[in-house]
C-alpha atoms as a PDB file:
ATOM      1  CA  UNK A   1     -17.872 -10.185  -9.382  1.00  0.00           C
ATOM      2  CA  UNK A   2     -15.425  -7.272  -8.969  1.00  0.00           C
ATOM      3  CA  UNK A   3     -11.894  -8.169  -8.061  1.00  0.00           C
ATOM      4  CA  UNK A   4      -9.286  -6.128  -6.287  1.00  0.00           C
ATOM      5  CA  UNK A   5      -6.404  -5.262  -8.629  1.00  0.00           C
ATOM      6  CA  UNK A   6      -3.188  -6.969  -7.642  1.00  0.00           C
ATOM      7  CA  UNK A   7      -0.431  -4.435  -7.005  1.00  0.00           C
ATOM      8  CA  UNK A   8       3.052  -5.792  -6.579  1.00  0.00           C
ATOM      9  CA  UNK A   9       5.397  -3.882  -4.328  1.00  0.00           C
ATOM     10  CA  UNK A  10       9.114  -4.405  -4.776  1.00  0.00           C
ATOM     11  CA  UNK A  11      11.931  -2.627  -3.047  1.00  0.00           C
ATOM     12  CA  UNK A  12      14.055  -0.864  -5.659  1.00  0.00           C
ATOM     13  CA  UNK A  13      16.320   1.452  -3.657  1.00  0.00           C
ATOM     14  CA  UNK A  14      18.970  -0.998  -2.494  1.00  0.00           C
ATOM     15  CA  UNK A  15      21.795   1.312  -3.591  1.00  0.00           C
ATOM     16  CA  UNK A  16      20.442   4.153  -1.477  1.00  0.00           C
ATOM     17  CA  UNK A  17      20.006   1.905   1.554  1.00  0.00           C
ATOM     18  CA  UNK A  18      23.524   0.575   1.081  1.00  0.00           C
ATOM     19  CA  UNK A  19      24.890   4.124   1.002  1.00  0.00           C
ATOM     20  CA  UNK A  20      22.903   5.038   4.119  1.00  0.00           C
ATOM     21  CA  UNK A  21      24.206   1.976   5.944  1.00  0.00           C
ATOM     22  CA  UNK A  22      27.807   2.736   4.987  1.00  0.00           C
ATOM     23  CA  UNK A  23      27.599   6.387   5.971  1.00  0.00           C
ATOM     24  CA  UNK A  24      25.523   5.998   9.126  1.00  0.00           C
ATOM     25  CA  UNK A  25      27.392   3.009  10.562  1.00  0.00           C
ATOM     26  CA  UNK A  26      30.785   4.648  10.096  1.00  0.00           C
ATOM     27  CA  UNK A  27      29.441   7.996  11.292  1.00  0.00           C
ATOM     28  CA  UNK A  28      28.162   6.447  14.502  1.00  0.00           C
ATOM     29  CA  UNK A  29      31.253   4.380  15.317  1.00  0.00           C
ATOM     30  CA  UNK A  30      34.296   6.412  14.265  1.00  0.00           C
ATOM     31  CA  UNK A  31      33.484   9.772  15.938  1.00  0.00           C
ATOM     32  CA  UNK A  32      32.270   7.834  18.982  1.00  0.00           C
ATOM     33  CA  UNK A  33      35.585   5.995  19.225  1.00  0.00           C
ATOM     34  CA  UNK A  34      37.529   9.234  18.824  1.00  0.00           C
ATOM     35  CA  UNK A  35      35.502  11.041  21.500  1.00  0.00           C
ATOM     36  CA  UNK A  36      35.631   8.080  23.868  1.00  0.00           C
ATOM     37  CA  UNK A  37      39.348   7.627  23.352  1.00  0.00           C
ATOM     38  CA  UNK A  38      40.024  11.287  24.107  1.00  0.00           C
ATOM     39  CA  UNK A  39      37.782  11.292  27.179  1.00  0.00           C
ATOM     40  CA  UNK A  40      40.396   9.612  29.319  1.00  0.00           C
ATOM     41  CA  UNK A  41      43.034  12.173  28.403  1.00  0.00           C
ATOM     42  CA  UNK A  42      40.974  15.366  28.041  1.00  0.00           C
ATOM     43  CA  UNK A  43      38.696  16.616  30.807  1.00  0.00           C
ATOM     44  CA  UNK A  44      37.078  19.472  28.883  1.00  0.00           C
ATOM     45  CA  UNK A  45      34.323  18.486  26.478  1.00  0.00           C
ATOM     46  CA  UNK A  46      35.006  21.552  24.298  1.00  0.00           C
ATOM     47  CA  UNK A  47      38.289  20.106  23.059  1.00  0.00           C
ATOM     48  CA  UNK A  48      36.618  16.801  22.236  1.00  0.00           C
ATOM     49  CA  UNK A  49      33.881  18.634  20.334  1.00  0.00           C
ATOM     50  CA  UNK A  50      36.496  20.452  18.247  1.00  0.00           C
ATOM     51  CA  UNK A  51      38.348  17.241  17.449  1.00  0.00           C
ATOM     52  CA  UNK A  52      35.087  15.407  16.762  1.00  0.00           C
ATOM     53  CA  UNK A  53      33.778  18.021  14.361  1.00  0.00           C
ATOM     54  CA  UNK A  54      37.084  18.021  12.495  1.00  0.00           C
ATOM     55  CA  UNK A  55      36.879  14.232  12.189  1.00  0.00           C
ATOM     56  CA  UNK A  56      33.258  14.370  10.987  1.00  0.00           C
ATOM     57  CA  UNK A  57      34.174  16.931   8.328  1.00  0.00           C
ATOM     58  CA  UNK A  58      37.161  14.938   7.101  1.00  0.00           C
ATOM     59  CA  UNK A  59      35.382  11.599   7.344  1.00  0.00           C
ATOM     60  CA  UNK A  60      32.274  12.722   5.478  1.00  0.00           C
ATOM     61  CA  UNK A  61      34.378  14.147   2.646  1.00  0.00           C
ATOM     62  CA  UNK A  62      36.499  11.006   2.398  1.00  0.00           C
ATOM     63  CA  UNK A  63      33.508   8.661   2.555  1.00  0.00           C
ATOM     64  CA  UNK A  64      31.521  10.749   0.065  1.00  0.00           C
ATOM     65  CA  UNK A  65      34.441  10.803  -2.340  1.00  0.00           C
ATOM     66  CA  UNK A  66      34.797   7.046  -2.009  1.00  0.00           C
ATOM     67  CA  UNK A  67      31.113   6.579  -2.842  1.00  0.00           C
ATOM     68  CA  UNK A  68      31.417   8.911  -5.817  1.00  0.00           C
ATOM     69  CA  UNK A  69      34.431   7.078  -7.248  1.00  0.00           C
ATOM     70  CA  UNK A  70      32.809   3.673  -6.701  1.00  0.00           C
ATOM     71  CA  UNK A  71      29.634   4.734  -8.512  1.00  0.00           C
ATOM     72  CA  UNK A  72      31.656   6.282 -11.336  1.00  0.00           C
ATOM     73  CA  UNK A  73      33.570   3.038 -11.629  1.00  0.00           C
ATOM     74  CA  UNK A  74      30.329   1.054 -11.942  1.00  0.00           C
ATOM     75  CA  UNK A  75      29.094   3.451 -14.641  1.00  0.00           C
ATOM     76  CA  UNK A  76      32.353   3.233 -16.611  1.00  0.00           C
ATOM     77  CA  UNK A  77      32.316  -0.562 -16.354  1.00  0.00           C
ATOM     78  CA  UNK A  78      28.761  -0.660 -17.696  1.00  0.00           C
ATOM     79  CA  UNK A  79      29.627   1.610 -20.632  1.00  0.00           C
ATOM     80  CA  UNK A  80      32.689  -0.485 -21.520  1.00  0.00           C
ATOM     81  CA  UNK A  81      30.647  -3.693 -21.507  1.00  0.00           C
ATOM     82  CA  UNK A  82      27.920  -1.966 -23.542  1.00  0.00           C
ATOM     83  CA  UNK A  83      30.460  -1.095 -26.243  1.00  0.00           C
ATOM     84  CA  UNK A  84      31.688  -4.693 -26.201  1.00  0.00           C
ATOM     85  CA  UNK A  85      28.160  -6.015 -26.751  1.00  0.00           C
ATOM     86  CA  UNK A  86      27.629  -3.593 -29.650  1.00  0.00           C
ATOM     87  CA  UNK A  87      30.837  -4.837 -31.251  1.00  0.00           C
ATOM     88  CA  UNK A  88      29.945  -8.513 -30.782  1.00  0.00           C
ATOM     89  CA  UNK A  89      26.492  -8.084 -32.338  1.00  0.00           C
ATOM     90  CA  UNK A  90      27.974  -6.249 -35.329  1.00  0.00           C
ATOM     91  CA  UNK A  91      31.078  -8.388 -35.883  1.00  0.00           C
ATOM     92  CA  UNK A  92      30.552 -11.684 -34.002  1.00  0.00           C
ATOM     93  CA  UNK A  93      26.910 -12.339 -34.750  1.00  0.00           C
ATOM     94  CA  UNK A  94      27.090 -16.149 -34.764  1.00  0.00           C
ATOM     95  CA  UNK A  95      28.797 -16.218 -31.373  1.00  0.00           C
ATOM     96  CA  UNK A  96      26.245 -13.825 -29.888  1.00  0.00           C
ATOM     97  CA  UNK A  97      23.362 -15.929 -31.245  1.00  0.00           C
ATOM     98  CA  UNK A  98      24.830 -19.041 -29.596  1.00  0.00           C
ATOM     99  CA  UNK A  99      25.296 -17.230 -26.279  1.00  0.00           C
ATOM    100  CA  UNK A 100      21.715 -15.941 -26.340  1.00  0.00           C
ATOM    101  CA  UNK A 101      20.321 -19.395 -27.077  1.00  0.00           C
ATOM    102  CA  UNK A 102      22.349 -20.876 -24.219  1.00  0.00           C
ATOM    103  CA  UNK A 103      20.979 -18.279 -21.810  1.00  0.00           C
ATOM    104  CA  UNK A 104      17.383 -18.987 -22.870  1.00  0.00           C
ATOM    105  CA  UNK A 105      17.899 -22.732 -22.617  1.00  0.00           C
ATOM    106  CA  UNK A 106      19.123 -22.267 -19.033  1.00  0.00           C
ATOM    107  CA  UNK A 107      15.584 -21.043 -18.305  1.00  0.00           C
ATOM    108  CA  UNK A 108      14.056 -24.236 -19.704  1.00  0.00           C
ATOM    109  CA  UNK A 109      13.337 -23.213 -23.296  1.00  0.00           C
ATOM    110  CA  UNK A 110      13.950 -25.724 -26.054  1.00  0.00           C
ATOM    111  CA  UNK A 111      16.356 -25.063 -28.912  1.00  0.00           C
ATOM    112  CA  UNK A 112      13.487 -24.318 -31.279  1.00  0.00           C
ATOM    113  CA  UNK A 113      11.777 -21.967 -28.817  1.00  0.00           C
ATOM    114  CA  UNK A 114      14.989 -20.077 -28.115  1.00  0.00           C
ATOM    115  CA  UNK A 115      15.654 -19.810 -31.860  1.00  0.00           C
ATOM    116  CA  UNK A 116      12.336 -17.980 -32.363  1.00  0.00           C
ATOM    117  CA  UNK A 117      13.158 -15.505 -29.591  1.00  0.00           C
ATOM    118  CA  UNK A 118      16.671 -14.903 -30.914  1.00  0.00           C
ATOM    119  CA  UNK A 119      15.273 -14.158 -34.374  1.00  0.00           C
ATOM    120  CA  UNK A 120      12.904 -11.611 -32.821  1.00  0.00           C
ATOM    121  CA  UNK A 121      15.752 -10.019 -30.845  1.00  0.00           C
ATOM    122  CA  UNK A 122      17.894  -9.733 -33.985  1.00  0.00           C
ATOM    123  CA  UNK A 123      15.262  -7.381 -35.392  1.00  0.00           C
ATOM    124  CA  UNK A 124      15.626  -5.198 -32.278  1.00  0.00           C
ATOM    125  CA  UNK A 125      19.386  -4.757 -31.746  1.00  0.00           C
ATOM    126  CA  UNK A 126      19.071  -2.318 -28.823  1.00  0.00           C
ATOM    127  CA  UNK A 127      16.673  -4.604 -26.976  1.00  0.00           C
ATOM    128  CA  UNK A 128      19.012  -7.535 -27.702  1.00  0.00           C
ATOM    129  CA  UNK A 129      21.951  -5.663 -26.237  1.00  0.00           C
ATOM    130  CA  UNK A 130      19.987  -4.786 -23.097  1.00  0.00           C
ATOM    131  CA  UNK A 131      18.958  -8.436 -22.797  1.00  0.00           C
ATOM    132  CA  UNK A 132      22.582  -9.566 -22.963  1.00  0.00           C
ATOM    133  CA  UNK A 133      23.750  -6.905 -20.545  1.00  0.00           C
ATOM    134  CA  UNK A 134      21.245  -8.095 -17.987  1.00  0.00           C
ATOM    135  CA  UNK A 135      21.106 -11.843 -18.455  1.00  0.00           C
ATOM    136  CA  UNK A 136      24.644 -12.576 -19.655  1.00  0.00           C
ATOM    137  CA  UNK A 137      26.586 -10.058 -17.585  1.00  0.00           C
ATOM    138  CA  UNK A 138      24.123  -9.340 -14.779  1.00  0.00           C
ATOM    139  CA  UNK A 139      24.418  -5.578 -15.298  1.00  0.00           C
ATOM    140  CA  UNK A 140      21.647  -3.001 -15.008  1.00  0.00           C
ATOM    141  CA  UNK A 141      22.024   0.430 -16.578  1.00  0.00           C
ATOM    142  CA  UNK A 142      23.142   2.756 -13.770  1.00  0.00           C
ATOM    143  CA  UNK A 143      21.450   6.028 -12.976  1.00  0.00           C
ATOM    144  CA  UNK A 144      23.544   8.796 -14.628  1.00  0.00           C
ATOM    145  CA  UNK A 145      23.198  10.816 -11.414  1.00  0.00           C
ATOM    146  CA  UNK A 146      24.137   7.852  -9.242  1.00  0.00           C
ATOM    147  CA  UNK A 147      27.674   9.054  -8.422  1.00  0.00           C
ATOM    148  CA  UNK A 148      26.535  12.415  -7.078  1.00  0.00           C
ATOM    149  CA  UNK A 149      23.610  10.868  -5.193  1.00  0.00           C
ATOM    150  CA  UNK A 150      25.879   8.243  -3.646  1.00  0.00           C
ATOM    151  CA  UNK A 151      28.423  10.830  -2.527  1.00  0.00           C
ATOM    152  CA  UNK A 152      25.735  13.066  -1.015  1.00  0.00           C
ATOM    153  CA  UNK A 153      23.930  10.181   0.707  1.00  0.00           C
ATOM    154  CA  UNK A 154      27.049   8.684   2.268  1.00  0.00           C
ATOM    155  CA  UNK A 155      28.458  12.054   3.347  1.00  0.00           C
ATOM    156  CA  UNK A 156      25.113  13.227   4.738  1.00  0.00           C
ATOM    157  CA  UNK A 157      24.534   9.975   6.636  1.00  0.00           C
ATOM    158  CA  UNK A 158      28.063  10.146   8.027  1.00  0.00           C
ATOM    159  CA  UNK A 159      27.477  13.674   9.338  1.00  0.00           C
ATOM    160  CA  UNK A 160      24.145  12.760  10.937  1.00  0.00           C
ATOM    161  CA  UNK A 161      25.626   9.618  12.446  1.00  0.00           C
ATOM    162  CA  UNK A 162      28.686  11.464  13.720  1.00  0.00           C
ATOM    163  CA  UNK A 163      26.724  14.216  15.451  1.00  0.00           C
ATOM    164  CA  UNK A 164      24.778  11.704  17.565  1.00  0.00           C
ATOM    165  CA  UNK A 165      27.650  10.344  19.734  1.00  0.00           C
ATOM    166  CA  UNK A 166      29.200  13.795  19.834  1.00  0.00           C
ATOM    167  CA  UNK A 167      26.041  15.655  20.915  1.00  0.00           C
ATOM    168  CA  UNK A 168      26.377  15.046  24.705  1.00  0.00           C
ATOM    169  CA  UNK A 169      29.748  16.781  24.626  1.00  0.00           C
ATOM    170  CA  UNK A 170      28.012  19.934  23.367  1.00  0.00           C
ATOM    171  CA  UNK A 171      25.903  20.271  26.515  1.00  0.00           C
ATOM    172  CA  UNK A 172      27.925  18.501  29.228  1.00  0.00           C
ATOM    173  CA  UNK A 173      31.178  20.228  30.115  1.00  0.00           C
ATOM    174  CA  UNK A 174      32.829  17.229  31.824  1.00  0.00           C
ATOM    175  CA  UNK A 175      33.936  14.683  29.256  1.00  0.00           C
ATOM    176  CA  UNK A 176      33.549  11.609  31.484  1.00  0.00           C
ATOM    177  CA  UNK A 177      29.922  12.449  32.233  1.00  0.00           C
ATOM    178  CA  UNK A 178      29.288  13.108  28.542  1.00  0.00           C
ATOM    179  CA  UNK A 179      30.769   9.719  27.604  1.00  0.00           C
ATOM    180  CA  UNK A 180      28.037   7.788  29.435  1.00  0.00           C
ATOM    181  CA  UNK A 181      25.331   9.635  27.504  1.00  0.00           C
ATOM    182  CA  UNK A 182      27.286   9.188  24.282  1.00  0.00           C
ATOM    183  CA  UNK A 183      27.267   5.400  24.751  1.00  0.00           C
ATOM    184  CA  UNK A 184      23.510   5.363  25.400  1.00  0.00           C
ATOM    185  CA  UNK A 185      22.687   7.591  22.429  1.00  0.00           C
ATOM    186  CA  UNK A 186      24.963   5.643  20.080  1.00  0.00           C
ATOM    187  CA  UNK A 187      23.393   2.281  20.975  1.00  0.00           C
ATOM    188  CA  UNK A 188      19.882   3.747  20.759  1.00  0.00           C
ATOM    189  CA  UNK A 189      20.658   5.287  17.367  1.00  0.00           C
ATOM    190  CA  UNK A 190      22.010   1.951  16.100  1.00  0.00           C
ATOM    191  CA  UNK A 191      18.823   0.204  17.258  1.00  0.00           C
ATOM    192  CA  UNK A 192      16.479   2.756  15.653  1.00  0.00           C
ATOM    193  CA  UNK A 193      18.519   2.844  12.448  1.00  0.00           C
ATOM    194  CA  UNK A 194      18.525  -0.948  12.230  1.00  0.00           C
ATOM    195  CA  UNK A 195      14.770  -1.059  12.838  1.00  0.00           C
ATOM    196  CA  UNK A 196      13.953   1.312   9.987  1.00  0.00           C
ATOM    197  CA  UNK A 197      16.528  -0.315   7.724  1.00  0.00           C
ATOM    198  CA  UNK A 198      14.774  -3.650   8.240  1.00  0.00           C
ATOM    199  CA  UNK A 199      11.393  -2.124   7.394  1.00  0.00           C
ATOM    200  CA  UNK A 200      12.807  -0.473   4.289  1.00  0.00           C
ATOM    201  CA  UNK A 201      14.189  -3.697   2.813  1.00  0.00           C
ATOM    202  CA  UNK A 202      11.299  -5.933   3.895  1.00  0.00           C
ATOM    203  CA  UNK A 203      13.229  -7.799   6.602  1.00  0.00           C
ATOM    204  CA  UNK A 204      12.212  -8.278  10.226  1.00  0.00           C
ATOM    205  CA  UNK A 205      12.593  -4.791  11.795  1.00  0.00           C
ATOM    206  CA  UNK A 206      13.316  -6.147  15.277  1.00  0.00           C
ATOM    207  CA  UNK A 207      15.890  -8.645  14.063  1.00  0.00           C
ATOM    208  CA  UNK A 208      17.547  -5.993  11.923  1.00  0.00           C
ATOM    209  CA  UNK A 209      17.593  -3.585  14.885  1.00  0.00           C
ATOM    210  CA  UNK A 210      19.213  -6.158  17.172  1.00  0.00           C
ATOM    211  CA  UNK A 211      21.772  -7.184  14.547  1.00  0.00           C
ATOM    212  CA  UNK A 212      22.670  -3.587  13.761  1.00  0.00           C
ATOM    213  CA  UNK A 213      23.020  -2.744  17.447  1.00  0.00           C
ATOM    214  CA  UNK A 214      25.210  -5.774  18.155  1.00  0.00           C
ATOM    215  CA  UNK A 215      27.444  -5.338  15.118  1.00  0.00           C
ATOM    216  CA  UNK A 216      27.686  -1.576  15.542  1.00  0.00           C
ATOM    217  CA  UNK A 217      28.278  -1.969  19.266  1.00  0.00           C
ATOM    218  CA  UNK A 218      31.089  -4.443  18.694  1.00  0.00           C
ATOM    219  CA  UNK A 219      32.658  -2.181  16.061  1.00  0.00           C
ATOM    220  CA  UNK A 220      32.361   0.847  18.337  1.00  0.00           C
ATOM    221  CA  UNK A 221      33.831  -1.100  21.275  1.00  0.00           C
ATOM    222  CA  UNK A 222      36.763  -2.277  19.192  1.00  0.00           C
ATOM    223  CA  UNK A 223      37.418   1.221  17.887  1.00  0.00           C
ATOM    224  CA  UNK A 224      37.056   2.633  21.423  1.00  0.00           C
ATOM    225  CA  UNK A 225      39.571   0.113  22.799  1.00  0.00           C
ATOM    226  CA  UNK A 226      42.122   0.916  20.096  1.00  0.00           C
ATOM    227  CA  UNK A 227      41.625   4.661  20.588  1.00  0.00           C
ATOM    228  CA  UNK A 228      42.103   4.349  24.359  1.00  0.00           C
ATOM    229  CA  UNK A 229      45.265   2.273  23.912  1.00  0.00           C
ATOM    230  CA  UNK A 230      46.869   5.062  21.906  1.00  0.00           C
ATOM    231  CA  UNK A 231      45.403   8.026  23.794  1.00  0.00           C
END
């Protein structure tokens, strides 16, 4: 009797989603707070647009640079630990054997069973090192292009997010009228973004949408209040 092949689907782009969340959430809230804070003091939307675009440019660069440096830091940390594992296998073999056996025994293997696996790993030093990097240190080899991708993703998401609350000011000349539409668009964008984020990571889309809207709305309200206090 023919059987349907079992295909496992696992989400593997958590870093990209994290970068999108960081860039989009900040892009939606910070320019919104700036525009809303200026609305009470500036009647013309054109001035708010100029200030908002300047903030989006500066914010996207700063956020992208932060993502780049963070990813570079992760890569450098991995390489440093990789060198340490090479040294320990070459010069502290007995210690590394003990550590490997302890890790295997944590997964329920007996001493004899773990000993067989360790002997097999000793014949494959590179595989042994990768095993230790993952199961002893919890580190996965980073994508060599990760830093650039992270910077581009965060900066791009920030720009897209920032344009949304600012867009009503492009078409509505009176800033107070534009603010009402900015609030609606920002909340709607948070809901849609949260919905698709939930689908991407396998969570409940509706719950993710509501959570993202509430958290983003609270953050935007807090930023708006602070901006108005100092405007």
